[in-house]
Amino acid sequence: MSDIFLIACAVLPAAVLMAYIYKKDTLEKEPSGLLKKLVLCGIIATIPAIVLESVGSALLSVFFETNTLAYAVLINFLVI
């Protein structure tokens, strides 16, 4: 599958849910500028997460083989 299709499959449900909740909120709607900033900050926050996960995975693979139970436990509970 293409990368764009996978990204769309990941983003579309969240975008639809966000739009639905925004339209249903009748009491105190948050400013749309604030919501856009929050979404942008969430997107930007993924960059350090990707870098740290890659570094952690590389460091663990130095000490453990990738198909062992110890590696799986450490990658899932410490790195991710």
PDB file of N, CA and C in Angstrom:
ATOM      1  N   MET A   1       0.836  -1.184   0.000  1.00  0.00           N
ATOM      2  CA  MET A   1       0.000   0.000   0.000  1.00  0.00           C
ATOM      3  C   MET A   1       0.881   1.248   0.000  1.00  0.00           C
ATOM      4  N   SER A   2       0.344   2.278  -0.533  1.00  0.00           N
ATOM      5  CA  SER A   2       1.135   3.500  -0.583  1.00  0.00           C
ATOM      6  C   SER A   2       1.122   4.187   0.779  1.00  0.00           C
ATOM      7  N   ASP A   3       2.152   4.978   1.011  1.00  0.00           N
ATOM      8  CA  ASP A   3       2.280   5.680   2.289  1.00  0.00           C
ATOM      9  C   ASP A   3       1.166   6.699   2.485  1.00  0.00           C
ATOM     10  N   ILE A   4       0.744   7.342   1.427  1.00  0.00           N
ATOM     11  CA  ILE A   4      -0.313   8.353   1.536  1.00  0.00           C
ATOM     12  C   ILE A   4      -1.623   7.706   1.967  1.00  0.00           C
ATOM     13  N   PHE A   5      -1.901   6.528   1.449  1.00  0.00           N
ATOM     14  CA  PHE A   5      -3.120   5.808   1.839  1.00  0.00           C
ATOM     15  C   PHE A   5      -3.078   5.442   3.311  1.00  0.00           C
ATOM     16  N   LEU A   6      -1.933   4.968   3.802  1.00  0.00           N
ATOM     17  CA  LEU A   6      -1.803   4.603   5.210  1.00  0.00           C
ATOM     18  C   LEU A   6      -1.929   5.817   6.119  1.00  0.00           C
ATOM     19  N   ILE A   7      -1.349   6.935   5.710  1.00  0.00           N
ATOM     20  CA  ILE A   7      -1.468   8.163   6.495  1.00  0.00           C
ATOM     21  C   ILE A   7      -2.925   8.624   6.524  1.00  0.00           C
ATOM     22  N   ALA A   8      -3.593   8.557   5.398  1.00  0.00           N
ATOM     23  CA  ALA A   8      -5.011   8.955   5.338  1.00  0.00           C
ATOM     24  C   ALA A   8      -5.860   8.056   6.235  1.00  0.00           C
ATOM     25  N   CYS A   9      -5.573   6.769   6.258  1.00  0.00           N
ATOM     26  CA  CYS A   9      -6.314   5.849   7.119  1.00  0.00           C
ATOM     27  C   CYS A   9      -6.072   6.148   8.597  1.00  0.00           C
ATOM     28  N   ALA A  10      -4.923   6.665   8.928  1.00  0.00           N
ATOM     29  CA  ALA A  10      -4.622   6.996  10.321  1.00  0.00           C
ATOM     30  C   ALA A  10      -5.228   8.334  10.721  1.00  0.00           C
ATOM     31  N   VAL A  11      -5.257   9.291   9.814  1.00  0.00           N
ATOM     32  CA  VAL A  11      -5.685  10.651  10.138  1.00  0.00           C
ATOM     33  C   VAL A  11      -7.196  10.829   9.991  1.00  0.00           C
ATOM     34  N   LEU A  12      -7.797  10.188   9.046  1.00  0.00           N
ATOM     35  CA  LEU A  12      -9.209  10.405   8.745  1.00  0.00           C
ATOM     36  C   LEU A  12     -10.154  10.147   9.925  1.00  0.00           C
ATOM     37  N   PRO A  13     -10.045   9.045  10.644  1.00  0.00           N
ATOM     38  CA  PRO A  13     -10.969   8.852  11.774  1.00  0.00           C
ATOM     39  C   PRO A  13     -10.851   9.949  12.834  1.00  0.00           C
ATOM     40  N   ALA A  14      -9.641  10.366  13.142  1.00  0.00           N
ATOM     41  CA  ALA A  14      -9.458  11.428  14.141  1.00  0.00           C
ATOM     42  C   ALA A  14     -10.041  12.743  13.648  1.00  0.00           C
ATOM     43  N   ALA A  15      -9.853  13.059  12.381  1.00  0.00           N
ATOM     44  CA  ALA A  15     -10.379  14.308  11.827  1.00  0.00           C
ATOM     45  C   ALA A  15     -11.906  14.302  11.816  1.00  0.00           C
ATOM     46  N   VAL A  16     -12.503  13.186  11.459  1.00  0.00           N
ATOM     47  CA  VAL A  16     -13.971  13.086  11.441  1.00  0.00           C
ATOM     48  C   VAL A  16     -14.519  13.213  12.858  1.00  0.00           C
ATOM     49  N   LEU A  17     -13.898  12.540  13.810  1.00  0.00           N
ATOM     50  CA  LEU A  17     -14.346  12.622  15.195  1.00  0.00           C
ATOM     51  C   LEU A  17     -14.195  14.038  15.744  1.00  0.00           C
ATOM     52  N   MET A  18     -13.086  14.695  15.429  1.00  0.00           N
ATOM     53  CA  MET A  18     -12.866  16.065  15.886  1.00  0.00           C
ATOM     54  C   MET A  18     -13.919  17.010  15.299  1.00  0.00           C
ATOM     55  N   ALA A  19     -14.227  16.877  14.026  1.00  0.00           N
ATOM     56  CA  ALA A  19     -15.241  17.723  13.396  1.00  0.00           C
ATOM     57  C   ALA A  19     -16.620  17.458  13.992  1.00  0.00           C
ATOM     58  N   TYR A  20     -16.932  16.198  14.244  1.00  0.00           N
ATOM     59  CA  TYR A  20     -18.239  15.843  14.821  1.00  0.00           C
ATOM     60  C   TYR A  20     -18.404  16.463  16.207  1.00  0.00           C
ATOM     61  N   ILE A  21     -17.392  16.312  17.039  1.00  0.00           N
ATOM     62  CA  ILE A  21     -17.474  16.856  18.395  1.00  0.00           C
ATOM     63  C   ILE A  21     -17.526  18.377  18.365  1.00  0.00           C
ATOM     64  N   TYR A  22     -16.772  19.007  17.474  1.00  0.00           N
ATOM     65  CA  TYR A  22     -16.780  20.466  17.365  1.00  0.00           C
ATOM     66  C   TYR A  22     -18.163  20.979  16.970  1.00  0.00           C
ATOM     67  N   LYS A  23     -18.815  20.281  16.049  1.00  0.00           N
ATOM     68  CA  LYS A  23     -20.146  20.719  15.616  1.00  0.00           C
ATOM     69  C   LYS A  23     -21.204  20.466  16.690  1.00  0.00           C
ATOM     70  N   LYS A  24     -21.044  19.418  17.489  1.00  0.00           N
ATOM     71  CA  LYS A  24     -22.010  19.102  18.541  1.00  0.00           C
ATOM     72  C   LYS A  24     -21.846  19.998  19.766  1.00  0.00           C
ATOM     73  N   ASP A  25     -20.691  20.620  19.944  1.00  0.00           N
ATOM     74  CA  ASP A  25     -20.435  21.477  21.107  1.00  0.00           C
ATOM     75  C   ASP A  25     -21.206  22.790  20.927  1.00  0.00           C
ATOM     76  N   THR A  26     -22.264  22.948  21.722  1.00  0.00           N
ATOM     77  CA  THR A  26     -23.089  24.152  21.586  1.00  0.00           C
ATOM     78  C   THR A  26     -22.913  25.126  22.744  1.00  0.00           C
ATOM     79  N   LEU A  27     -22.310  24.693  23.840  1.00  0.00           N
ATOM     80  CA  LEU A  27     -22.195  25.563  25.004  1.00  0.00           C
ATOM     81  C   LEU A  27     -21.044  26.557  24.868  1.00  0.00           C
ATOM     82  N   GLU A  28     -19.837  26.067  24.833  1.00  0.00           N
ATOM     83  CA  GLU A  28     -18.660  26.941  24.728  1.00  0.00           C
ATOM     84  C   GLU A  28     -17.702  26.370  23.705  1.00  0.00           C
ATOM     85  N   LYS A  29     -17.809  26.828  22.493  1.00  0.00           N
ATOM     86  CA  LYS A  29     -16.892  26.346  21.456  1.00  0.00           C
ATOM     87  C   LYS A  29     -15.528  26.984  21.647  1.00  0.00           C
ATOM     88  N   GLU A  30     -14.506  26.153  21.560  1.00  0.00           N
ATOM     89  CA  GLU A  30     -13.156  26.675  21.602  1.00  0.00           C
ATOM     90  C   GLU A  30     -12.875  27.405  20.293  1.00  0.00           C
ATOM     91  N   PRO A  31     -12.029  28.430  20.346  1.00  0.00           N
ATOM     92  CA  PRO A  31     -11.688  29.136  19.106  1.00  0.00           C
ATOM     93  C   PRO A  31     -11.005  28.195  18.119  1.00  0.00           C
ATOM     94  N   SER A  32     -11.365  28.332  16.862  1.00  0.00           N
ATOM     95  CA  SER A  32     -10.795  27.431  15.855  1.00  0.00           C
ATOM     96  C   SER A  32      -9.289  27.620  15.733  1.00  0.00           C
ATOM     97  N   GLY A  33      -8.794  28.831  15.998  1.00  0.00           N
ATOM     98  CA  GLY A  33      -7.343  29.059  15.965  1.00  0.00           C
ATOM     99  C   GLY A  33      -6.619  28.236  17.013  1.00  0.00           C
ATOM    100  N   LEU A  34      -7.215  28.147  18.200  1.00  0.00           N
ATOM    101  CA  LEU A  34      -6.620  27.347  19.265  1.00  0.00           C
ATOM    102  C   LEU A  34      -6.601  25.872  18.884  1.00  0.00           C
ATOM    103  N   LEU A  35      -7.680  25.388  18.297  1.00  0.00           N
ATOM    104  CA  LEU A  35      -7.732  23.986  17.886  1.00  0.00           C
ATOM    105  C   LEU A  35      -6.693  23.684  16.812  1.00  0.00           C
ATOM    106  N   LYS A  36      -6.515  24.617  15.881  1.00  0.00           N
ATOM    107  CA  LYS A  36      -5.503  24.424  14.837  1.00  0.00           C
ATOM    108  C   LYS A  36      -4.106  24.380  15.433  1.00  0.00           C
ATOM    109  N   LYS A  37      -3.839  25.255  16.421  1.00  0.00           N
ATOM    110  CA  LYS A  37      -2.529  25.246  17.083  1.00  0.00           C
ATOM    111  C   LYS A  37      -2.302  23.938  17.823  1.00  0.00           C
ATOM    112  N   LEU A  38      -3.335  23.428  18.489  1.00  0.00           N
ATOM    113  CA  LEU A  38      -3.203  22.173  19.219  1.00  0.00           C
ATOM    114  C   LEU A  38      -2.922  21.002  18.282  1.00  0.00           C
ATOM    115  N   VAL A  39      -3.606  20.970  17.153  1.00  0.00           N
ATOM    116  CA  VAL A  39      -3.369  19.902  16.180  1.00  0.00           C
ATOM    117  C   VAL A  39      -1.952  19.998  15.635  1.00  0.00           C
ATOM    118  N   LEU A  40      -1.511  21.214  15.332  1.00  0.00           N
ATOM    119  CA  LEU A  40      -0.156  21.401  14.828  1.00  0.00           C
ATOM    120  C   LEU A  40       0.885  20.979  15.863  1.00  0.00           C
ATOM    121  N   CYS A  41       0.661  21.330  17.128  1.00  0.00           N
ATOM    122  CA  CYS A  41       1.588  20.915  18.190  1.00  0.00           C
ATOM    123  C   CYS A  41       1.618  19.397  18.331  1.00  0.00           C
ATOM    124  N   GLY A  42       0.473  18.758  18.165  1.00  0.00           N
ATOM    125  CA  GLY A  42       0.430  17.298  18.215  1.00  0.00           C
ATOM    126  C   GLY A  42       1.204  16.665  17.078  1.00  0.00           C
ATOM    127  N   ILE A  43       1.119  17.258  15.900  1.00  0.00           N
ATOM    128  CA  ILE A  43       1.877  16.761  14.753  1.00  0.00           C
ATOM    129  C   ILE A  43       3.371  16.935  14.985  1.00  0.00           C
ATOM    130  N   ILE A  44       3.754  18.103  15.483  1.00  0.00           N
ATOM    131  CA  ILE A  44       5.170  18.384  15.734  1.00  0.00           C
ATOM    132  C   ILE A  44       5.716  17.483  16.837  1.00  0.00           C
ATOM    133  N   ALA A  45       4.889  17.135  17.819  1.00  0.00           N
ATOM    134  CA  ALA A  45       5.336  16.293  18.934  1.00  0.00           C
ATOM    135  C   ALA A  45       5.693  14.878  18.485  1.00  0.00           C
ATOM    136  N   THR A  46       5.210  14.464  17.324  1.00  0.00           N
ATOM    137  CA  THR A  46       5.542  13.122  16.859  1.00  0.00           C
ATOM    138  C   THR A  46       6.986  13.019  16.382  1.00  0.00           C
ATOM    139  N   ILE A  47       7.572  14.130  15.979  1.00  0.00           N
ATOM    140  CA  ILE A  47       8.946  14.091  15.463  1.00  0.00           C
ATOM    141  C   ILE A  47       9.939  13.635  16.533  1.00  0.00           C
ATOM    142  N   PRO A  48       9.962  14.258  17.744  1.00  0.00           N
ATOM    143  CA  PRO A  48      10.877  13.741  18.757  1.00  0.00           C
ATOM    144  C   PRO A  48      10.538  12.316  19.196  1.00  0.00           C
ATOM    145  N   ALA A  49       9.248  11.950  19.164  1.00  0.00           N
ATOM    146  CA  ALA A  49       8.870  10.592  19.531  1.00  0.00           C
ATOM    147  C   ALA A  49       9.457   9.578  18.556  1.00  0.00           C
ATOM    148  N   ILE A  50       9.427   9.899  17.277  1.00  0.00           N
ATOM    149  CA  ILE A  50       9.986   9.002  16.262  1.00  0.00           C
ATOM    150  C   ILE A  50      11.495   8.869  16.451  1.00  0.00           C
ATOM    151  N   VAL A  51      12.157   9.996  16.688  1.00  0.00           N
ATOM    152  CA  VAL A  51      13.614   9.978  16.866  1.00  0.00           C
ATOM    153  C   VAL A  51      13.989   9.168  18.104  1.00  0.00           C
ATOM    154  N   LEU A  52      13.319   9.423  19.223  1.00  0.00           N
ATOM    155  CA  LEU A  52      13.644   8.712  20.461  1.00  0.00           C
ATOM    156  C   LEU A  52      13.346   7.222  20.359  1.00  0.00           C
ATOM    157  N   GLU A  53      12.277   6.866  19.692  1.00  0.00           N
ATOM    158  CA  GLU A  53      11.987   5.443  19.514  1.00  0.00           C
ATOM    159  C   GLU A  53      13.031   4.771  18.639  1.00  0.00           C
ATOM    160  N   SER A  54      13.482   5.445  17.597  1.00  0.00           N
ATOM    161  CA  SER A  54      14.513   4.876  16.722  1.00  0.00           C
ATOM    162  C   SER A  54      15.824   4.693  17.476  1.00  0.00           C
ATOM    163  N   VAL A  55      16.202   5.699  18.265  1.00  0.00           N
ATOM    164  CA  VAL A  55      17.447   5.605  19.038  1.00  0.00           C
ATOM    165  C   VAL A  55      17.330   4.496  20.083  1.00  0.00           C
ATOM    166  N   GLY A  56      16.219   4.442  20.797  1.00  0.00           N
ATOM    167  CA  GLY A  56      16.030   3.403  21.805  1.00  0.00           C
ATOM    168  C   GLY A  56      16.041   2.012  21.217  1.00  0.00           C
ATOM    169  N   SER A  57      15.419   1.850  20.073  1.00  0.00           N
ATOM    170  CA  SER A  57      15.404   0.554  19.401  1.00  0.00           C
ATOM    171  C   SER A  57      16.807   0.155  18.960  1.00  0.00           C
ATOM    172  N   ALA A  58      17.557   1.112  18.439  1.00  0.00           N
ATOM    173  CA  ALA A  58      18.930   0.819  18.010  1.00  0.00           C
ATOM    174  C   ALA A  58      19.812   0.442  19.196  1.00  0.00           C
ATOM    175  N   LEU A  59      19.651   1.157  20.306  1.00  0.00           N
ATOM    176  CA  LEU A  59      20.448   0.837  21.499  1.00  0.00           C
ATOM    177  C   LEU A  59      20.095  -0.540  22.055  1.00  0.00           C
ATOM    178  N   LEU A  60      18.824  -0.863  22.094  1.00  0.00           N
ATOM    179  CA  LEU A  60      18.434  -2.176  22.598  1.00  0.00           C
ATOM    180  C   LEU A  60      18.918  -3.303  21.704  1.00  0.00           C
ATOM    181  N   SER A  61      18.932  -3.074  20.403  1.00  0.00           N
ATOM    182  CA  SER A  61      19.373  -4.128  19.491  1.00  0.00           C
ATOM    183  C   SER A  61      20.866  -4.401  19.624  1.00  0.00           C
ATOM    184  N   VAL A  62      21.613  -3.484  20.229  1.00  0.00           N
ATOM    185  CA  VAL A  62      23.032  -3.733  20.484  1.00  0.00           C
ATOM    186  C   VAL A  62      23.189  -4.759  21.609  1.00  0.00           C
ATOM    187  N   PHE A  63      22.325  -4.680  22.622  1.00  0.00           N
ATOM    188  CA  PHE A  63      22.447  -5.533  23.790  1.00  0.00           C
ATOM    189  C   PHE A  63      21.617  -6.812  23.722  1.00  0.00           C
ATOM    190  N   PHE A  64      20.535  -6.811  22.967  1.00  0.00           N
ATOM    191  CA  PHE A  64      19.641  -7.966  22.886  1.00  0.00           C
ATOM    192  C   PHE A  64      19.342  -8.276  21.428  1.00  0.00           C
ATOM    193  N   GLU A  65      19.105  -9.553  21.149  1.00  0.00           N
ATOM    194  CA  GLU A  65      18.634  -9.917  19.816  1.00  0.00           C
ATOM    195  C   GLU A  65      17.174  -9.488  19.700  1.00  0.00           C
ATOM    196  N   THR A  66      16.773  -9.096  18.504  1.00  0.00           N
ATOM    197  CA  THR A  66      15.445  -8.510  18.332  1.00  0.00           C
ATOM    198  C   THR A  66      14.304  -9.512  18.473  1.00  0.00           C
ATOM    199  N   ASN A  67      14.582 -10.789  18.411  1.00  0.00           N
ATOM    200  CA  ASN A  67      13.491 -11.777  18.505  1.00  0.00           C
ATOM    201  C   ASN A  67      13.432 -12.459  19.875  1.00  0.00           C
ATOM    202  N   THR A  68      13.968 -11.823  20.913  1.00  0.00           N
ATOM    203  CA  THR A  68      13.931 -12.407  22.248  1.00  0.00           C
ATOM    204  C   THR A  68      12.839 -11.753  23.092  1.00  0.00           C
ATOM    205  N   LEU A  69      12.465 -12.442  24.152  1.00  0.00           N
ATOM    206  CA  LEU A  69      11.442 -11.921  25.055  1.00  0.00           C
ATOM    207  C   LEU A  69      11.938 -10.671  25.774  1.00  0.00           C
ATOM    208  N   ALA A  70      13.190 -10.663  26.172  1.00  0.00           N
ATOM    209  CA  ALA A  70      13.744  -9.501  26.877  1.00  0.00           C
ATOM    210  C   ALA A  70      13.680  -8.250  26.002  1.00  0.00           C
ATOM    211  N   TYR A  71      14.008  -8.391  24.737  1.00  0.00           N
ATOM    212  CA  TYR A  71      13.940  -7.256  23.807  1.00  0.00           C
ATOM    213  C   TYR A  71      12.503  -6.761  23.678  1.00  0.00           C
ATOM    214  N   ALA A  72      11.568  -7.690  23.528  1.00  0.00           N
ATOM    215  CA  ALA A  72      10.157  -7.312  23.363  1.00  0.00           C
ATOM    216  C   ALA A  72       9.646  -6.580  24.593  1.00  0.00           C
ATOM    217  N   VAL A  73       9.987  -7.073  25.787  1.00  0.00           N
ATOM    218  CA  VAL A  73       9.532  -6.427  27.016  1.00  0.00           C
ATOM    219  C   VAL A  73      10.134  -5.038  27.138  1.00  0.00           C
ATOM    220  N   LEU A  74      11.428  -4.920  26.922  1.00  0.00           N
ATOM    221  CA  LEU A  74      12.093  -3.620  27.072  1.00  0.00           C
ATOM    222  C   LEU A  74      11.643  -2.617  26.019  1.00  0.00           C
ATOM    223  N   ILE A  75      11.468  -3.044  24.797  1.00  0.00           N
ATOM    224  CA  ILE A  75      11.048  -2.105  23.751  1.00  0.00           C
ATOM    225  C   ILE A  75       9.619  -1.618  24.022  1.00  0.00           C
ATOM    226  N   ASN A  76       8.756  -2.507  24.532  1.00  0.00           N
ATOM    227  CA  ASN A  76       7.371  -2.128  24.756  1.00  0.00           C
ATOM    228  C   ASN A  76       7.154  -1.322  26.033  1.00  0.00           C
ATOM    229  N   PHE A  77       7.956  -1.561  27.058  1.00  0.00           N
ATOM    230  CA  PHE A  77       7.730  -0.881  28.325  1.00  0.00           C
ATOM    231  C   PHE A  77       8.684   0.295  28.579  1.00  0.00           C
ATOM    232  N   LEU A  78       9.823   0.311  27.941  1.00  0.00           N
ATOM    233  CA  LEU A  78      10.768   1.401  28.164  1.00  0.00           C
ATOM    234  C   LEU A  78      10.847   2.360  26.993  1.00  0.00           C
ATOM    235  N   VAL A  79      10.988   1.822  25.825  1.00  0.00           N
ATOM    236  CA  VAL A  79      11.227   2.679  24.662  1.00  0.00           C
ATOM    237  C   VAL A  79       9.932   3.306  24.155  1.00  0.00           C
ATOM    238  N   ILE A  80       8.956   2.490  23.897  1.00  0.00           N
ATOM    239  CA  ILE A  80       7.710   3.005  23.338  1.00  0.00           C
ATOM    240  C   ILE A  80       6.943   3.730  24.400  1.00  0.00           C
TER     241      ILE A  80
END
